[in-house]
């Protein structure tokens, strides 16, 4: 069974697009929460992300991964693929 991947984004955010592109290249299905201008949704995201309000914020199986740079760092270290199975 594939991992449950969730990503909070803004539609025009270049870091959000970069993170989604990495997941797409890996053919990983994900649920996207586009929260453009939705302060209530951003507050909910920040609660899940231990106070982080920057975008994107990524969760794999309810584990907070972090943002785009964190996702790419996990991939470079070979630690992302094991989380996605």
C-alpha atoms as a PDB file:
ATOM      1  CA  UNK A   1       0.000   0.000   0.000  1.00  0.00           C
ATOM      2  CA  UNK A   2       1.305   3.434  -0.935  1.00  0.00           C
ATOM      3  CA  UNK A   3       2.041   6.066   1.667  1.00  0.00           C
ATOM      4  CA  UNK A   4      -0.501   8.767   2.429  1.00  0.00           C
ATOM      5  CA  UNK A   5       1.169  11.962   1.206  1.00  0.00           C
ATOM      6  CA  UNK A   6      -0.387  15.355   1.927  1.00  0.00           C
ATOM      7  CA  UNK A   7       0.963  18.717   0.817  1.00  0.00           C
ATOM      8  CA  UNK A   8      -0.265  22.194   1.722  1.00  0.00           C
ATOM      9  CA  UNK A   9       0.373  24.658  -1.097  1.00  0.00           C
ATOM     10  CA  UNK A  10      -0.307  28.037  -2.664  1.00  0.00           C
ATOM     11  CA  UNK A  11      -1.032  27.827  -6.382  1.00  0.00           C
ATOM     12  CA  UNK A  12       1.726  30.234  -7.472  1.00  0.00           C
ATOM     13  CA  UNK A  13       4.390  29.206  -4.947  1.00  0.00           C
ATOM     14  CA  UNK A  14       7.560  28.064  -6.796  1.00  0.00           C
ATOM     15  CA  UNK A  15       8.653  25.875  -3.862  1.00  0.00           C
ATOM     16  CA  UNK A  16       5.236  24.187  -3.829  1.00  0.00           C
ATOM     17  CA  UNK A  17       5.495  23.510  -7.552  1.00  0.00           C
ATOM     18  CA  UNK A  18       9.028  22.132  -7.127  1.00  0.00           C
ATOM     19  CA  UNK A  19       7.929  19.775  -4.329  1.00  0.00           C
ATOM     20  CA  UNK A  20       4.928  18.540  -6.331  1.00  0.00           C
ATOM     21  CA  UNK A  21       7.168  17.992  -9.375  1.00  0.00           C
ATOM     22  CA  UNK A  22       9.445  15.727  -7.333  1.00  0.00           C
ATOM     23  CA  UNK A  23       6.476  13.691  -6.116  1.00  0.00           C
ATOM     24  CA  UNK A  24       5.103  13.526  -9.678  1.00  0.00           C
ATOM     25  CA  UNK A  25       8.488  12.323 -11.041  1.00  0.00           C
ATOM     26  CA  UNK A  26       8.381   9.548  -8.461  1.00  0.00           C
ATOM     27  CA  UNK A  27       4.772   8.761  -9.484  1.00  0.00           C
ATOM     28  CA  UNK A  28       3.632   9.313  -5.898  1.00  0.00           C
ATOM     29  CA  UNK A  29      -0.052  10.117  -5.501  1.00  0.00           C
ATOM     30  CA  UNK A  30      -0.674  12.943  -3.039  1.00  0.00           C
ATOM     31  CA  UNK A  31      -3.499  14.993  -1.621  1.00  0.00           C
ATOM     32  CA  UNK A  32      -3.002  18.697  -2.207  1.00  0.00           C
ATOM     33  CA  UNK A  33      -4.554  21.328   0.009  1.00  0.00           C
ATOM     34  CA  UNK A  34      -4.300  24.591  -1.915  1.00  0.00           C
ATOM     35  CA  UNK A  35      -4.818  27.188   0.813  1.00  0.00           C
ATOM     36  CA  UNK A  36      -4.458  30.421  -1.208  1.00  0.00           C
ATOM     37  CA  UNK A  37      -5.576  33.201   1.124  1.00  0.00           C
ATOM     38  CA  UNK A  38      -7.368  30.824   3.529  1.00  0.00           C
ATOM     39  CA  UNK A  39      -6.072  31.895   6.938  1.00  0.00           C
ATOM     40  CA  UNK A  40      -8.115  29.257   8.801  1.00  0.00           C
ATOM     41  CA  UNK A  41      -6.582  26.486   6.674  1.00  0.00           C
ATOM     42  CA  UNK A  42      -3.113  27.965   7.175  1.00  0.00           C
ATOM     43  CA  UNK A  43      -3.647  27.992  10.939  1.00  0.00           C
ATOM     44  CA  UNK A  44      -4.697  24.321  10.801  1.00  0.00           C
ATOM     45  CA  UNK A  45      -1.604  23.514   8.724  1.00  0.00           C
ATOM     46  CA  UNK A  46       0.644  25.355  11.195  1.00  0.00           C
ATOM     47  CA  UNK A  47      -0.794  23.353  14.079  1.00  0.00           C
ATOM     48  CA  UNK A  48       0.035  20.119  12.259  1.00  0.00           C
ATOM     49  CA  UNK A  49       3.473  21.452  11.234  1.00  0.00           C
ATOM     50  CA  UNK A  50       4.629  22.357  14.757  1.00  0.00           C
ATOM     51  CA  UNK A  51       4.175  26.076  14.132  1.00  0.00           C
ATOM     52  CA  UNK A  52       5.694  26.293  10.662  1.00  0.00           C
ATOM     53  CA  UNK A  53       3.648  28.589   8.435  1.00  0.00           C
ATOM     54  CA  UNK A  54       5.815  28.589   5.294  1.00  0.00           C
ATOM     55  CA  UNK A  55       4.654  26.712   2.229  1.00  0.00           C
ATOM     56  CA  UNK A  56       4.698  23.987   1.219  1.00  0.00           C
ATOM     57  CA  UNK A  57       4.313  21.796   4.275  1.00  0.00           C
ATOM     58  CA  UNK A  58       4.465  18.079   3.546  1.00  0.00           C
ATOM     59  CA  UNK A  59       3.236  15.114   5.562  1.00  0.00           C
ATOM     60  CA  UNK A  60       3.822  11.425   4.854  1.00  0.00           C
ATOM     61  CA  UNK A  61       1.615   9.040   6.818  1.00  0.00           C
ATOM     62  CA  UNK A  62       0.802  11.925   9.201  1.00  0.00           C
ATOM     63  CA  UNK A  63       4.532  12.475   9.872  1.00  0.00           C
ATOM     64  CA  UNK A  64       5.603  16.069   9.280  1.00  0.00           C
ATOM     65  CA  UNK A  65       8.400  16.064   6.685  1.00  0.00           C
ATOM     66  CA  UNK A  66       8.804  19.831   6.373  1.00  0.00           C
ATOM     67  CA  UNK A  67       8.993  21.956   3.259  1.00  0.00           C
ATOM     68  CA  UNK A  68      10.378  21.673  -0.246  1.00  0.00           C
ATOM     69  CA  UNK A  69      14.042  21.789   0.782  1.00  0.00           C
ATOM     70  CA  UNK A  70      13.419  19.120   3.431  1.00  0.00           C
ATOM     71  CA  UNK A  71      11.713  16.871   0.880  1.00  0.00           C
ATOM     72  CA  UNK A  72      14.584  17.228  -1.596  1.00  0.00           C
ATOM     73  CA  UNK A  73      17.171  16.657   1.152  1.00  0.00           C
ATOM     74  CA  UNK A  74      15.465  13.393   2.110  1.00  0.00           C
ATOM     75  CA  UNK A  75      15.540  12.364  -1.543  1.00  0.00           C
ATOM     76  CA  UNK A  76      19.265  13.190  -1.923  1.00  0.00           C
ATOM     77  CA  UNK A  77      20.032  11.190   1.231  1.00  0.00           C
ATOM     78  CA  UNK A  78      18.087   8.181  -0.070  1.00  0.00           C
ATOM     79  CA  UNK A  79      15.621   8.463   2.815  1.00  0.00           C
ATOM     80  CA  UNK A  80      12.522   9.542   0.874  1.00  0.00           C
ATOM     81  CA  UNK A  81      11.735   6.370  -1.079  1.00  0.00           C
ATOM     82  CA  UNK A  82      11.475   4.157   2.039  1.00  0.00           C
ATOM     83  CA  UNK A  83       8.892   6.584   3.454  1.00  0.00           C
ATOM     84  CA  UNK A  84       6.798   6.340   0.293  1.00  0.00           C
ATOM     85  CA  UNK A  85       6.149   2.568   0.353  1.00  0.00           C
END
